[in-house]
Amino acid sequence: MDLLGLALLTLVASAIGTLTGFGTSTIMIPVVALYVPFPVTLVLVGTIHWFGNIWKILLFRGGFSRKLLLWFGLPGLITSFLGASLTIRTDTDLLQRLLGYLLVAYVFFLVLKPKFKVSQTPTTAITGGALSGLMAGIFGIGGAVRGAALSAFNLPAATFIFTAGAIGVLIDSTRLITYLADGVAVPTRLLAGLFLFVPISFLGAKIGERLVKRVPAEKFRTIVAMFLFVIGVWLVVQ
C-alpha cells in the first residue's frame, strides 16, 4: 500500500472511529496488516491511533468523567503492557476469533434486550478496562472491547467518545513503548508518512465530530452495536 492509500484509509478510519468511539486501529489494523508485518503495523497504526485519541479528547472535552477514567484507565494500563509483551511471541489467531464470537454474541444480546444497561459500578468498568487494555496490547484493536463495555453504561455520545479517547491515550502510550522496547522498527518511508497521516487523522476526527452532532442520542447506541457486529464477524471469518 502506498502513502496516498494509507492517507485515505486514515481519513476514513478516523471519521468512523470518532463517530463510534472505537478509534482508527479497529479499521486500519486488518487492512494495513495485509501489506506490512504485523508488529510494524501495530506501531505505525498505534501511533496514528494515539493522535486520533488526542483529537477525541480535544473535540469532546465536555464529556469528561474522572470516575470513568480511573475505573477504566488504570486496569487498562496494566493489561496493555501484558498484552503488548505477549503479542510479539504469541500466535493470536484463536484469541482473535474468540473475541469476534464474543462481540457478535454481545450485539445479539443488545438486539434482544435493547433497553439493557448496567449501573456505573467499579467492577463493570474495571473489567471492561482490563479487557480492552489486554486486547489493545495483543491485537491493536482494544477499542471494540472498550466500546462494548462503555455502551453498557448507556452514556451520552460526548462522554462515550471522550472517555474512549482518554483511555485510548493511556493504553496506546503503554503498548507503543513496549513494542519499541521489544525492538520493533518502522521503515523510514512509513515514519516520514506520519507527517501526512497525523494531520489527516485530525481532519477525519472533525468529520466524525460533525456526524456525531447529526446522530440522535437514541440512535447512537445502535450505530455502535452495528460496528461491533461488523468487527466481530471480521475477526471470526478472517
Protein backbone atom coordinates (compact mmCIF):
# COMPACT_ATOMS: atom_id res chain seq x y z
CA MET A 1 0.00 0.00 0.00
CA ASP A 2 1.42 3.43 -0.97
CA LEU A 3 1.40 6.55 1.21
CA LEU A 4 -1.61 8.04 -0.59
CA GLY A 5 -3.63 4.88 0.04
CA LEU A 6 -2.63 4.94 3.71
CA ALA A 7 -3.62 8.61 3.93
CA LEU A 8 -7.08 7.89 2.51
CA LEU A 9 -7.50 4.92 4.84
CA THR A 10 -6.50 7.16 7.77
CA LEU A 11 -9.15 9.74 6.82
CA VAL A 12 -11.96 7.18 6.59
CA ALA A 13 -10.86 5.26 9.70
CA SER A 14 -10.54 8.44 11.76
CA ALA A 15 -14.02 9.67 10.80
CA ILE A 16 -15.70 6.33 11.54
CA GLY A 17 -13.55 5.74 14.61
CA THR A 18 -14.54 9.11 16.06
CA LEU A 19 -18.23 8.54 15.35
CA THR A 20 -18.23 5.16 17.08
CA GLY A 21 -15.60 5.92 19.73
CA PHE A 22 -13.51 2.90 18.69
CA GLY A 23 -10.55 4.77 17.23
CA THR A 24 -8.73 4.27 13.95
CA SER A 25 -6.98 1.00 14.81
CA THR A 26 -10.12 -1.12 14.59
CA ILE A 27 -10.47 -0.29 10.91
CA MET A 28 -6.82 0.22 9.91
CA ILE A 29 -5.18 -2.83 11.52
CA PRO A 30 -6.83 -5.51 9.31
CA VAL A 31 -6.09 -3.54 6.12
CA VAL A 32 -2.53 -2.41 6.83
CA ALA A 33 -1.58 -5.87 8.12
CA LEU A 34 -2.16 -7.22 4.60
CA TYR A 35 0.83 -5.19 3.36
CA VAL A 36 3.07 -4.66 6.40
CA PRO A 37 4.43 -7.14 9.02
CA PHE A 38 2.05 -7.29 11.98
CA PRO A 39 4.45 -5.89 14.65
CA VAL A 40 5.26 -2.92 12.36
CA THR A 41 1.53 -2.47 11.69
CA LEU A 42 0.90 -2.26 15.43
CA VAL A 43 3.47 0.52 15.88
CA LEU A 44 2.51 2.51 12.78
CA VAL A 45 -1.26 2.35 13.28
CA GLY A 46 -0.85 2.65 17.04
CA THR A 47 0.92 5.99 16.57
CA ILE A 48 -1.86 7.30 14.31
CA HIS A 49 -4.39 5.94 16.79
CA TRP A 50 -2.66 7.75 19.66
CA PHE A 51 -3.09 11.08 17.89
CA GLY A 52 -6.65 10.15 16.96
CA ASN A 53 -7.45 9.74 20.64
CA ILE A 54 -5.90 13.14 21.38
CA TRP A 55 -8.34 14.66 18.85
CA LYS A 56 -11.26 12.96 20.63
CA ILE A 57 -10.18 14.44 23.95
CA LEU A 58 -9.95 17.93 22.45
CA LEU A 59 -13.16 17.80 20.42
CA PHE A 60 -15.34 16.15 23.08
CA ARG A 61 -13.80 17.55 26.28
CA GLY A 62 -17.28 18.40 27.55
CA GLY A 63 -17.79 14.68 28.19
CA PHE A 64 -15.04 14.44 30.85
CA SER A 65 -15.75 11.93 33.64
CA ARG A 66 -12.96 11.43 36.20
CA LYS A 67 -14.69 8.41 37.70
CA LEU A 68 -14.86 6.51 34.40
CA LEU A 69 -11.26 7.38 33.55
CA LEU A 70 -10.00 5.96 36.83
CA TRP A 71 -12.11 2.82 36.68
CA PHE A 72 -11.35 2.01 33.04
CA GLY A 73 -7.91 3.54 32.61
CA LEU A 74 -5.78 2.14 35.42
CA PRO A 75 -6.59 -1.57 34.80
CA GLY A 76 -6.14 -0.94 31.07
CA LEU A 77 -2.62 0.39 31.61
CA ILE A 78 -1.53 -2.80 33.34
CA THR A 79 -3.14 -5.25 30.94
CA SER A 80 -1.99 -3.27 27.88
CA PHE A 81 1.61 -3.81 28.95
CA LEU A 82 0.97 -7.52 29.47
CA GLY A 83 -0.78 -7.87 26.11
CA ALA A 84 1.93 -5.98 24.21
CA SER A 85 4.58 -8.19 25.79
CA LEU A 86 2.72 -11.31 24.62
CA THR A 87 1.88 -10.24 21.06
CA ILE A 88 5.45 -10.42 19.75
CA ARG A 89 5.73 -14.04 20.91
CA THR A 90 2.22 -15.49 20.57
CA ASP A 91 0.04 -16.80 17.74
CA THR A 92 -3.12 -14.72 18.20
CA ASP A 93 -5.48 -16.30 15.61
CA LEU A 94 -7.50 -18.30 18.16
CA LEU A 95 -7.86 -15.36 20.53
CA GLN A 96 -8.97 -13.09 17.68
CA ARG A 97 -11.73 -15.49 16.68
CA LEU A 98 -12.83 -15.86 20.29
CA LEU A 99 -13.06 -12.09 20.60
CA GLY A 100 -15.11 -11.99 17.39
CA TYR A 101 -17.60 -14.55 18.71
CA LEU A 102 -17.96 -12.62 21.97
CA LEU A 103 -18.63 -9.33 20.17
CA VAL A 104 -21.24 -10.91 17.86
CA ALA A 105 -22.94 -12.56 20.85
CA TYR A 106 -22.95 -9.23 22.70
CA VAL A 107 -24.64 -7.46 19.79
CA PHE A 108 -27.33 -10.16 19.58
CA PHE A 109 -27.89 -9.68 23.29
CA LEU A 110 -28.38 -5.92 22.74
CA VAL A 111 -30.91 -6.65 19.99
CA LEU A 112 -32.87 -8.96 22.28
CA LYS A 113 -32.53 -6.60 25.25
CA PRO A 114 -32.49 -3.10 23.66
CA LYS A 115 -33.00 -1.32 26.98
CA PHE A 116 -30.24 -3.22 28.75
CA LYS A 117 -27.81 -1.15 30.79
CA VAL A 118 -25.68 -1.73 33.83
CA SER A 119 -25.08 0.53 36.80
CA GLN A 120 -21.85 2.50 36.72
CA THR A 121 -20.05 0.27 39.21
CA PRO A 122 -16.28 -0.10 39.61
CA THR A 123 -16.50 -3.84 38.91
CA THR A 124 -18.03 -3.41 35.46
CA ALA A 125 -15.67 -0.59 34.48
CA ILE A 126 -12.53 -2.28 35.84
CA THR A 127 -13.36 -5.48 33.96
CA GLY A 128 -14.06 -3.58 30.73
CA GLY A 129 -10.89 -1.50 31.09
CA ALA A 130 -8.72 -4.54 31.78
CA LEU A 131 -10.09 -6.47 28.80
CA SER A 132 -9.77 -3.52 26.42
CA GLY A 133 -6.17 -2.93 27.52
CA LEU A 134 -5.31 -6.59 27.01
CA MET A 135 -6.92 -6.71 23.55
CA ALA A 136 -5.24 -3.44 22.53
CA GLY A 137 -1.86 -4.79 23.58
CA ILE A 138 -2.29 -8.10 21.74
CA PHE A 139 -4.29 -7.10 18.65
CA GLY A 140 -4.09 -3.31 18.49
CA ILE A 141 -7.91 -3.15 18.40
CA GLY A 142 -8.97 -2.79 22.02
CA GLY A 143 -11.47 -0.11 21.01
CA ALA A 144 -14.07 -2.74 20.12
CA VAL A 145 -13.98 -4.23 23.61
CA ARG A 146 -13.85 -0.78 25.16
CA GLY A 147 -16.85 0.23 23.06
CA ALA A 148 -18.78 -2.83 24.17
CA ALA A 149 -18.05 -2.08 27.82
CA LEU A 150 -18.83 1.64 27.58
CA SER A 151 -22.02 1.05 25.60
CA ALA A 152 -23.35 -0.96 28.54
CA PHE A 153 -23.32 2.27 30.56
CA ASN A 154 -25.68 3.93 28.05
CA LEU A 155 -23.59 7.12 28.11
CA PRO A 156 -24.21 10.37 26.21
CA ALA A 157 -22.24 10.45 22.96
CA ALA A 158 -19.78 13.12 24.17
CA THR A 159 -18.98 11.23 27.38
CA PHE A 160 -18.66 7.95 25.49
CA ILE A 161 -16.23 9.35 22.90
CA PHE A 162 -14.17 11.46 25.33
CA THR A 163 -13.77 8.54 27.74
CA ALA A 164 -12.84 6.14 24.93
CA GLY A 165 -10.25 8.63 23.67
CA ALA A 166 -8.70 9.36 27.06
CA ILE A 167 -8.42 5.67 27.95
CA GLY A 168 -7.02 5.01 24.49
CA VAL A 169 -4.21 7.54 25.02
CA LEU A 170 -3.19 5.83 28.26
CA ILE A 171 -3.30 2.34 26.79
CA ASP A 172 -1.63 3.30 23.50
CA SER A 173 1.23 5.03 25.30
CA THR A 174 1.93 1.89 27.30
CA ARG A 175 1.77 -0.55 24.40
CA LEU A 176 3.78 1.62 21.97
CA ILE A 177 6.62 1.92 24.47
CA THR A 178 6.50 -1.85 24.98
CA TYR A 179 6.57 -2.63 21.23
CA LEU A 180 9.52 -0.31 20.67
CA ALA A 181 11.36 -1.67 23.69
CA ASP A 182 10.96 -5.16 22.20
CA GLY A 183 12.84 -4.00 19.10
CA VAL A 184 10.03 -3.36 16.59
CA ALA A 185 11.30 -0.90 13.95
CA VAL A 186 9.19 1.01 11.42
CA PRO A 187 10.73 1.64 7.95
CA THR A 188 11.83 5.23 7.34
CA ARG A 189 9.34 5.70 4.48
CA LEU A 190 6.41 4.91 6.77
CA LEU A 191 7.78 7.06 9.58
CA ALA A 192 8.02 10.00 7.18
CA GLY A 193 4.42 9.31 6.18
CA LEU A 194 3.30 10.16 9.72
CA PHE A 195 3.76 13.85 8.86
CA LEU A 196 0.89 13.30 6.41
CA PHE A 197 -1.19 10.75 8.34
CA VAL A 198 -1.39 12.67 11.63
CA PRO A 199 -2.96 15.91 10.28
CA ILE A 200 -5.27 13.85 8.07
CA SER A 201 -6.40 11.94 11.15
CA PHE A 202 -7.44 15.29 12.66
CA LEU A 203 -9.46 16.10 9.54
CA GLY A 204 -11.18 12.72 9.84
CA ALA A 205 -11.90 13.38 13.52
CA LYS A 206 -13.53 16.71 12.64
CA ILE A 207 -15.72 14.93 10.09
CA GLY A 208 -16.64 12.38 12.76
CA GLU A 209 -17.46 15.18 15.21
CA ARG A 210 -19.93 16.68 12.75
CA LEU A 211 -21.51 13.29 12.13
CA VAL A 212 -21.97 12.76 15.88
CA LYS A 213 -23.87 16.05 16.14
CA ARG A 214 -26.28 14.83 13.46
CA VAL A 215 -26.97 11.48 15.13
CA PRO A 216 -29.89 11.46 17.62
CA ALA A 217 -28.88 10.26 21.07
CA GLU A 218 -31.26 7.29 20.91
CA LYS A 219 -29.62 6.12 17.65
CA PHE A 220 -26.02 6.39 18.84
CA ARG A 221 -26.01 3.08 20.69
CA THR A 222 -27.46 1.33 17.61
CA ILE A 223 -24.62 2.65 15.45
CA VAL A 224 -22.04 1.42 17.96
CA ALA A 225 -23.72 -2.01 18.03
CA MET A 226 -23.67 -2.22 14.22
CA PHE A 227 -19.94 -1.56 14.09
CA LEU A 228 -19.31 -4.05 16.90
CA PHE A 229 -21.15 -6.68 14.85
CA VAL A 230 -19.14 -5.96 11.69
CA ILE A 231 -15.85 -6.11 13.61
CA GLY A 232 -16.88 -9.31 15.35
CA VAL A 233 -17.76 -11.03 12.05
CA TRP A 234 -14.47 -9.89 10.51
CA LEU A 235 -12.49 -11.35 13.42
CA VAL A 236 -14.33 -14.68 13.08
CA VAL A 237 -14.01 -15.15 9.31
CA GLN A 238 -10.54 -13.73 8.61
